[in-house]
Amino acid sequence: MFKILILQQWFGLNDLEVERQMADRISFMSFLGFPNPSPDSRTIWLFKERMDETGMDKVVWAELQRQLDAMGLQVKRGTIQDATFIEADHGSSKKPRGGEAKTRRSRDGTWAKKGDETHFGYKLHQKTDLDYCLIREIATTTASLHDCQTDLSIEGEPVLRDRGYFGAKAKGIDFTMKRRTTDKPLEELDKERNRLISKLRSPGERPHAVIKRVFNSGWVLVTTIRRVSVKMILLHLLLTYIRSAH
């Protein structure tokens, strides 16, 4: 069942599509252990629901991180934290929200504005290590939750963050870019510090590009934050495995 979920993320298939292709593609059959019977789309959907309800998605993620450490890929110099929007269908304002929604419209998505752009849906928070650019922690929230309200760092671990986290103390050793305020402009030393942090943390944005451009997962059709969270964990597990294999 877990292999089926990996195939879904790799090829961008929904439950019905992966059911059809498991019965048609020889490569899928070989990967899943032909001639073992393949489950239908409803069984796949229920399995993902059960992963979230039992917390098994987080157990799988923790096991991946344990294996990375066992391979000698531990966090050494520090980490990068960043966030990106995951868009969802906001539908018509006349349609019901919450538990009454019966369409593809997101039930838990919220609105957020960044600069001149407006987003609806969710926000994906990632912590990437500086040495290997491997994703070590993720969190999924609604889009309206500000970046600074999610801290993925741990005590004693250096963490590099952009200006969006300015003013919010990190649990780890805090290297957050500074931002000018109305009563205190940035000094030259602060500007140089920001340039250095920006250069070091730029690799932390690469996973966002891969997720959106390669796996086409910058837009989700699942309707609740719990389902989005499971999807993001599976996607990042695949992405981290590919990265560690190289």
Protein backbone atom coordinates (compact mmCIF):
# COMPACT_ATOMS: atom_id res chain seq x y z
CA MET A 1 0.00 0.00 0.00
CA PHE A 2 2.81 2.40 0.83
CA LYS A 3 4.49 1.69 -2.51
CA ILE A 4 1.25 2.72 -4.23
CA LEU A 5 1.34 6.08 -2.45
CA ILE A 6 4.93 6.57 -3.64
CA LEU A 7 3.83 5.88 -7.24
CA GLN A 8 1.06 8.44 -6.84
CA GLN A 9 3.52 11.16 -5.82
CA TRP A 10 6.12 10.23 -8.43
CA PHE A 11 3.70 10.32 -11.36
CA GLY A 12 1.13 12.81 -10.04
CA LEU A 13 -1.80 10.36 -10.08
CA ASN A 14 -5.07 10.54 -8.18
CA ASP A 15 -6.62 7.43 -6.62
CA LEU A 16 -8.63 6.44 -9.71
CA GLU A 17 -5.71 6.99 -12.08
CA VAL A 18 -3.28 4.91 -10.04
CA GLU A 19 -5.87 2.10 -9.82
CA ARG A 20 -6.13 2.01 -13.62
CA GLN A 21 -2.40 2.18 -14.21
CA MET A 22 -1.63 -0.57 -11.70
CA ALA A 23 -3.72 -2.87 -13.88
CA ASP A 24 -2.14 -1.67 -17.13
CA ARG A 25 1.54 -0.76 -16.71
CA ILE A 26 4.06 -3.59 -16.47
CA SER A 27 6.53 -1.37 -14.58
CA PHE A 28 3.89 -0.68 -11.91
CA MET A 29 3.06 -4.37 -11.62
CA SER A 30 6.74 -5.25 -11.19
CA PHE A 31 7.28 -2.57 -8.55
CA LEU A 32 4.23 -3.68 -6.56
CA GLY A 33 5.02 -7.41 -6.72
CA PHE A 34 2.90 -8.89 -9.53
CA PRO A 35 0.83 -11.12 -9.40
CA ASN A 36 -0.30 -9.83 -6.00
CA PRO A 37 -3.82 -8.32 -6.31
CA SER A 38 -3.99 -4.51 -6.44
CA PRO A 39 -6.42 -2.56 -4.23
CA ASP A 40 -9.12 -0.30 -5.66
CA SER A 41 -9.17 3.50 -5.37
CA ARG A 42 -11.47 3.48 -2.33
CA THR A 43 -9.05 1.25 -0.41
CA ILE A 44 -6.15 3.56 -1.31
CA TRP A 45 -8.12 6.61 -0.10
CA LEU A 46 -8.98 4.89 3.20
CA PHE A 47 -5.36 3.86 3.71
CA LYS A 48 -4.24 7.49 3.48
CA GLU A 49 -6.96 8.50 5.93
CA ARG A 50 -5.82 5.78 8.33
CA MET A 51 -2.19 6.92 8.05
CA ASP A 52 -3.21 10.34 9.33
CA GLU A 53 -5.57 9.08 12.03
CA THR A 54 -2.97 6.70 13.49
CA GLY A 55 0.00 9.07 13.06
CA MET A 56 1.75 6.50 10.88
CA ASP A 57 2.76 9.19 8.36
CA LYS A 58 4.89 10.82 11.06
CA VAL A 59 6.33 7.44 12.10
CA VAL A 60 7.45 6.83 8.50
CA TRP A 61 8.98 10.32 8.33
CA ALA A 62 10.87 9.75 11.61
CA GLU A 63 12.23 6.46 10.24
CA LEU A 64 13.50 8.21 7.11
CA GLN A 65 15.34 10.76 9.27
CA ARG A 66 16.84 7.94 11.38
CA GLN A 67 18.14 6.25 8.23
CA LEU A 68 19.69 9.50 6.99
CA ASP A 69 21.54 9.89 10.29
CA ALA A 70 22.67 6.24 10.11
CA MET A 71 24.16 6.96 6.66
CA GLY A 72 26.29 9.72 8.18
CA LEU A 73 24.14 12.53 6.76
CA GLN A 74 23.48 14.27 10.05
CA VAL A 75 22.98 18.01 10.35
CA LYS A 76 26.44 19.49 10.89
CA ARG A 77 26.71 23.22 10.09
CA GLY A 78 23.06 24.10 10.55
CA THR A 79 19.70 24.35 8.82
CA ILE A 80 17.58 26.63 6.63
CA GLN A 81 13.90 27.27 7.33
CA ASP A 82 11.61 28.57 4.63
CA ALA A 83 7.94 28.45 3.66
CA THR A 84 5.91 28.44 0.45
CA PHE A 85 2.23 28.59 -0.48
CA ILE A 86 0.35 25.48 -1.63
CA GLU A 87 -2.67 26.67 -3.58
CA ALA A 88 -6.15 25.14 -3.36
CA ASP A 89 -9.58 25.66 -4.94
CA HIS A 90 -11.45 28.42 -3.12
CA GLY A 91 -14.60 27.88 -5.21
CA SER A 92 -17.53 30.28 -5.12
CA SER A 93 -18.26 32.34 -2.03
CA LYS A 94 -21.85 31.11 -2.25
CA LYS A 95 -20.89 27.49 -1.66
CA PRO A 96 -20.70 26.07 1.88
CA ARG A 97 -17.40 25.68 3.73
CA GLY A 98 -16.29 23.30 6.44
CA GLY A 99 -17.93 19.92 6.95
CA GLU A 100 -20.81 20.83 4.64
CA ALA A 101 -18.56 21.24 1.57
CA LYS A 102 -19.11 18.37 -0.87
CA THR A 103 -17.03 19.56 -3.81
CA ARG A 104 -13.35 19.91 -4.60
CA ARG A 105 -13.42 23.20 -2.76
CA SER A 106 -10.91 23.36 0.08
CA ARG A 107 -12.56 23.10 3.49
CA ASP A 108 -9.60 24.23 5.60
CA GLY A 109 -7.81 26.60 3.22
CA THR A 110 -7.49 30.29 4.14
CA TRP A 111 -6.59 33.51 2.32
CA ALA A 112 -3.21 35.23 2.58
CA LYS A 113 -1.58 38.16 0.85
CA LYS A 114 2.13 38.52 0.13
CA GLY A 115 3.12 41.73 -1.59
CA ASP A 116 0.73 42.24 -4.49
CA GLU A 117 -0.17 38.53 -4.71
CA THR A 118 -3.15 36.86 -3.05
CA HIS A 119 -3.09 33.16 -2.21
CA PHE A 120 -5.70 30.69 -1.03
CA GLY A 121 -4.96 27.32 0.50
CA TYR A 122 -2.10 26.19 2.69
CA LYS A 123 1.48 26.92 3.62
CA LEU A 124 4.31 24.41 3.59
CA HIS A 125 7.15 24.98 6.08
CA GLN A 126 10.47 23.18 5.51
CA LYS A 127 13.74 22.82 7.35
CA THR A 128 16.68 21.88 5.11
CA ASP A 129 20.23 21.12 6.22
CA LEU A 130 23.10 23.25 4.95
CA ASP A 131 25.50 20.42 4.13
CA TYR A 132 23.41 18.08 1.97
CA CYS A 133 20.26 20.12 1.22
CA LEU A 134 18.15 17.30 2.66
CA ILE A 135 14.73 18.09 4.12
CA ARG A 136 14.82 17.30 7.83
CA GLU A 137 11.46 18.62 9.03
CA ILE A 138 8.21 19.85 7.51
CA ALA A 139 4.92 21.28 8.74
CA THR A 140 1.69 22.11 6.93
CA THR A 141 -0.52 24.99 8.04
CA THR A 142 -3.24 27.15 6.53
CA ALA A 143 -2.04 29.97 4.28
CA SER A 144 -2.99 32.76 6.68
CA LEU A 145 -0.64 31.58 9.45
CA HIS A 146 2.43 33.80 9.40
CA ASP A 147 5.82 32.18 8.82
CA CYS A 148 7.16 33.33 12.17
CA GLN A 149 4.52 31.32 14.05
CA THR A 150 6.09 28.03 12.95
CA ASP A 151 9.54 27.28 14.35
CA LEU A 152 11.11 24.01 13.17
CA SER A 153 14.52 24.58 14.75
CA ILE A 154 15.81 22.67 17.75
CA GLU A 155 17.90 23.89 20.68
CA GLY A 156 21.60 24.25 19.91
CA GLU A 157 21.12 23.98 16.13
CA PRO A 158 21.94 27.03 13.94
CA VAL A 159 18.99 28.07 11.75
CA LEU A 160 19.01 30.57 8.87
CA ARG A 161 15.77 32.42 8.14
CA ASP A 162 14.64 35.28 5.90
CA ARG A 163 13.07 38.61 6.91
CA GLY A 164 9.63 37.01 7.29
CA TYR A 165 10.77 35.58 10.64
CA PHE A 166 12.18 38.87 11.93
CA GLY A 167 11.11 39.51 15.50
CA ALA A 168 10.28 35.87 16.29
CA LYS A 169 12.86 34.10 18.43
CA ALA A 170 13.93 30.64 17.28
CA LYS A 171 14.54 27.71 19.62
CA GLY A 172 17.85 27.11 17.85
CA ILE A 173 20.81 29.44 17.36
CA ASP A 174 19.05 32.25 15.54
CA PHE A 175 20.45 33.66 12.27
CA THR A 176 17.43 35.58 10.98
CA MET A 177 17.83 38.35 8.40
CA LYS A 178 17.11 41.75 9.89
CA ARG A 179 14.48 44.15 8.61
CA ARG A 180 14.40 47.92 8.87
CA THR A 181 11.74 49.44 11.07
CA THR A 182 10.19 52.91 11.08
CA ASP A 183 12.46 54.06 13.90
CA LYS A 184 15.60 52.06 13.10
CA PRO A 185 17.08 51.80 9.59
CA LEU A 186 19.55 49.00 8.83
CA GLU A 187 23.21 49.73 9.43
CA GLU A 188 25.90 48.62 6.95
CA LEU A 189 26.92 45.75 9.21
CA ASP A 190 23.32 44.50 9.27
CA LYS A 191 23.10 44.75 5.48
CA GLU A 192 26.28 42.72 5.07
CA ARG A 193 24.97 40.16 7.54
CA ASN A 194 21.72 39.89 5.54
CA ARG A 195 23.65 39.35 2.30
CA LEU A 196 25.67 36.54 3.84
CA ILE A 197 22.60 34.82 5.30
CA SER A 198 20.75 35.19 1.98
CA LYS A 199 23.62 33.54 0.11
CA LEU A 200 23.85 30.65 2.55
CA ARG A 201 20.11 30.01 2.68
CA SER A 202 19.42 30.13 -1.08
CA PRO A 203 19.68 26.29 -1.47
CA GLY A 204 16.70 26.01 0.91
CA GLU A 205 14.42 27.31 -1.86
CA ARG A 206 15.31 24.52 -4.29
CA PRO A 207 12.93 21.94 -2.78
CA HIS A 208 10.06 24.39 -3.38
CA ALA A 209 10.94 24.59 -7.06
CA VAL A 210 11.15 20.80 -7.41
CA ILE A 211 7.83 20.28 -5.63
CA LYS A 212 6.04 22.78 -7.85
CA ARG A 213 7.79 22.37 -11.22
CA VAL A 214 8.76 18.68 -11.26
CA PHE A 215 6.03 17.07 -9.16
CA ASN A 216 3.33 19.68 -9.96
CA SER A 217 2.29 19.77 -6.31
CA GLY A 218 2.00 23.51 -5.86
CA TRP A 219 -1.75 23.03 -6.31
CA VAL A 220 -3.75 20.44 -4.34
CA LEU A 221 -7.22 18.98 -4.85
CA VAL A 222 -7.48 17.32 -1.43
CA THR A 223 -9.85 19.32 0.73
CA THR A 224 -8.59 19.27 4.34
CA ILE A 225 -5.37 20.23 6.04
CA ARG A 226 -4.93 16.68 7.36
CA ARG A 227 -4.98 15.27 3.84
CA VAL A 228 -2.64 17.98 2.58
CA SER A 229 -0.25 17.15 5.42
CA VAL A 230 -0.16 13.44 4.50
CA LYS A 231 0.40 14.33 0.84
CA MET A 232 3.28 16.67 1.73
CA ILE A 233 4.96 14.08 3.96
CA LEU A 234 4.80 11.46 1.21
CA LEU A 235 6.07 13.91 -1.37
CA HIS A 236 8.96 15.03 0.82
CA LEU A 237 9.83 11.45 1.68
CA LEU A 238 10.22 10.73 -2.03
CA LEU A 239 12.14 13.95 -2.64
CA THR A 240 14.50 13.34 0.29
CA TYR A 241 15.12 9.75 -0.77
CA ILE A 242 16.02 10.86 -4.31
CA ARG A 243 18.35 13.53 -2.96
CA SER A 244 20.09 11.19 -0.49
CA ALA A 245 20.58 8.54 -3.20
CA HIS A 246 22.73 11.02 -5.13
